[in-house]
Amino acid sequence: MITCVVHYTIDPARIDAFERFAREWMRLVAEHGGVHHGYFLPAEGASDRAEALFSFESLAAYERYRSRFGTDPEFIAADRIRDESGCVRRYDRTFMRPLLPD
């Protein structure tokens, strides 16, 4: 299993657009073989940080999902929410392997 952790810097004034963007990506990950563990948004005070975690059974499975970027109309539409609203200022990904309790 491989887990992708996405670190976002968001525009707090556009949190509604970010939530629309996030809901679309949760749906798309699930429809394309992944397990989405959710988006984690600011809860108190001013913050421009958000995180997302989702897993695929392998790096190869993630790469099959990732190959749809820029070509699949649903993926393009989900990214358009981000691009047109300006809700995401920047993001980066880290790939991790989970260590779970026995």
Protein backbone atom coordinates (compact mmCIF):
# COMPACT_ATOMS: atom_id res chain seq x y z
CA MET A 1 0.00 0.00 0.00
CA ILE A 2 1.11 3.53 -0.76
CA THR A 3 -0.43 6.65 0.76
CA CYS A 4 -0.24 10.03 -0.90
CA VAL A 5 -0.23 12.99 1.48
CA VAL A 6 -0.99 16.28 -0.24
CA HIS A 7 -0.02 19.46 1.61
CA TYR A 8 -2.01 22.51 0.48
CA THR A 9 -1.62 26.21 1.01
CA ILE A 10 -5.14 27.51 0.45
CA ASP A 11 -6.91 30.84 0.27
CA PRO A 12 -9.01 30.88 3.47
CA ALA A 13 -11.45 33.30 1.83
CA ARG A 14 -12.22 30.60 -0.77
CA ILE A 15 -12.78 27.64 1.54
CA ASP A 16 -16.17 26.87 -0.06
CA ALA A 17 -14.50 26.42 -3.46
CA PHE A 18 -11.80 24.27 -1.86
CA GLU A 19 -14.47 22.04 -0.32
CA ARG A 20 -16.14 21.61 -3.74
CA PHE A 21 -12.74 20.74 -5.23
CA ALA A 22 -12.03 18.28 -2.40
CA ARG A 23 -15.40 16.50 -2.68
CA GLU A 24 -14.80 15.92 -6.40
CA TRP A 25 -11.35 14.44 -5.77
CA MET A 26 -12.63 12.18 -2.99
CA ARG A 27 -15.21 10.80 -5.43
CA LEU A 28 -12.68 10.39 -8.25
CA VAL A 29 -10.10 8.60 -6.09
CA ALA A 30 -12.77 6.13 -4.91
CA GLU A 31 -14.08 5.56 -8.44
CA HIS A 32 -10.58 4.83 -9.73
CA GLY A 33 -9.44 2.25 -7.20
CA GLY A 34 -8.15 4.29 -4.29
CA VAL A 35 -9.28 4.81 -0.72
CA HIS A 36 -9.61 8.46 0.28
CA HIS A 37 -8.97 9.13 3.97
CA GLY A 38 -10.32 12.66 3.74
CA TYR A 39 -9.28 16.27 3.56
CA PHE A 40 -8.27 17.99 6.76
CA LEU A 41 -9.21 21.67 6.81
CA PRO A 42 -8.57 24.51 9.23
CA ALA A 43 -10.83 24.22 12.26
CA GLU A 44 -10.03 27.24 14.41
CA GLY A 45 -8.40 30.56 13.83
CA ALA A 46 -6.89 31.86 10.63
CA SER A 47 -5.07 29.18 8.73
CA ASP A 48 -4.08 28.60 5.14
CA ARG A 49 -3.12 24.92 5.56
CA ALA A 50 -5.04 21.85 4.46
CA GLU A 51 -4.05 18.22 3.99
CA ALA A 52 -5.41 15.26 2.06
CA LEU A 53 -4.57 11.58 2.42
CA PHE A 54 -5.48 8.78 0.05
CA SER A 55 -4.11 5.31 -0.60
CA PHE A 56 -3.73 2.89 -3.48
CA GLU A 57 -2.77 -0.77 -3.27
CA SER A 58 0.55 -0.07 -5.01
CA LEU A 59 2.56 2.59 -6.79
CA ALA A 60 1.51 1.00 -10.09
CA ALA A 61 -2.18 1.40 -9.16
CA TYR A 62 -1.54 5.05 -8.26
CA GLU A 63 0.24 5.58 -11.58
CA ARG A 64 -2.76 4.13 -13.49
CA TYR A 65 -5.01 6.63 -11.66
CA ARG A 66 -2.53 9.46 -12.25
CA SER A 67 -2.36 8.72 -16.00
CA ARG A 68 -5.89 10.12 -16.32
CA PHE A 69 -4.80 13.65 -15.39
CA GLY A 70 -5.08 16.05 -18.30
CA THR A 71 -7.09 13.60 -20.43
CA ASP A 72 -10.14 12.41 -18.46
CA PRO A 73 -12.95 15.01 -18.65
CA GLU A 74 -13.94 14.48 -14.99
CA PHE A 75 -10.37 15.01 -13.81
CA ILE A 76 -10.08 18.15 -15.92
CA ALA A 77 -13.39 19.48 -14.52
CA ALA A 78 -12.26 18.85 -10.93
CA ASP A 79 -9.00 20.70 -11.52
CA ARG A 80 -10.93 23.55 -13.14
CA ILE A 81 -12.63 24.22 -9.77
CA ARG A 82 -9.17 24.82 -8.26
CA ASP A 83 -7.85 26.81 -11.19
CA GLU A 84 -10.85 29.09 -11.72
CA SER A 85 -11.51 29.80 -8.04
CA GLY A 86 -7.93 30.31 -6.93
CA CYS A 87 -8.68 28.34 -3.77
CA VAL A 88 -5.28 26.58 -3.86
CA ARG A 89 -2.19 28.75 -3.74
CA ARG A 90 0.26 25.85 -3.85
CA TYR A 91 0.51 22.16 -3.10
CA ASP A 92 3.02 19.33 -2.94
CA ARG A 93 2.82 15.58 -2.53
CA THR A 94 4.62 13.13 -0.28
CA PHE A 95 4.33 9.36 -0.68
CA MET A 96 4.33 7.33 2.49
CA ARG A 97 3.71 3.79 3.63
CA PRO A 98 1.41 3.33 6.59
CA LEU A 99 2.52 1.62 9.77
CA LEU A 100 -0.73 0.43 11.33
CA PRO A 101 -1.45 -1.06 14.76
CA ASP A 102 -1.33 -4.87 14.99
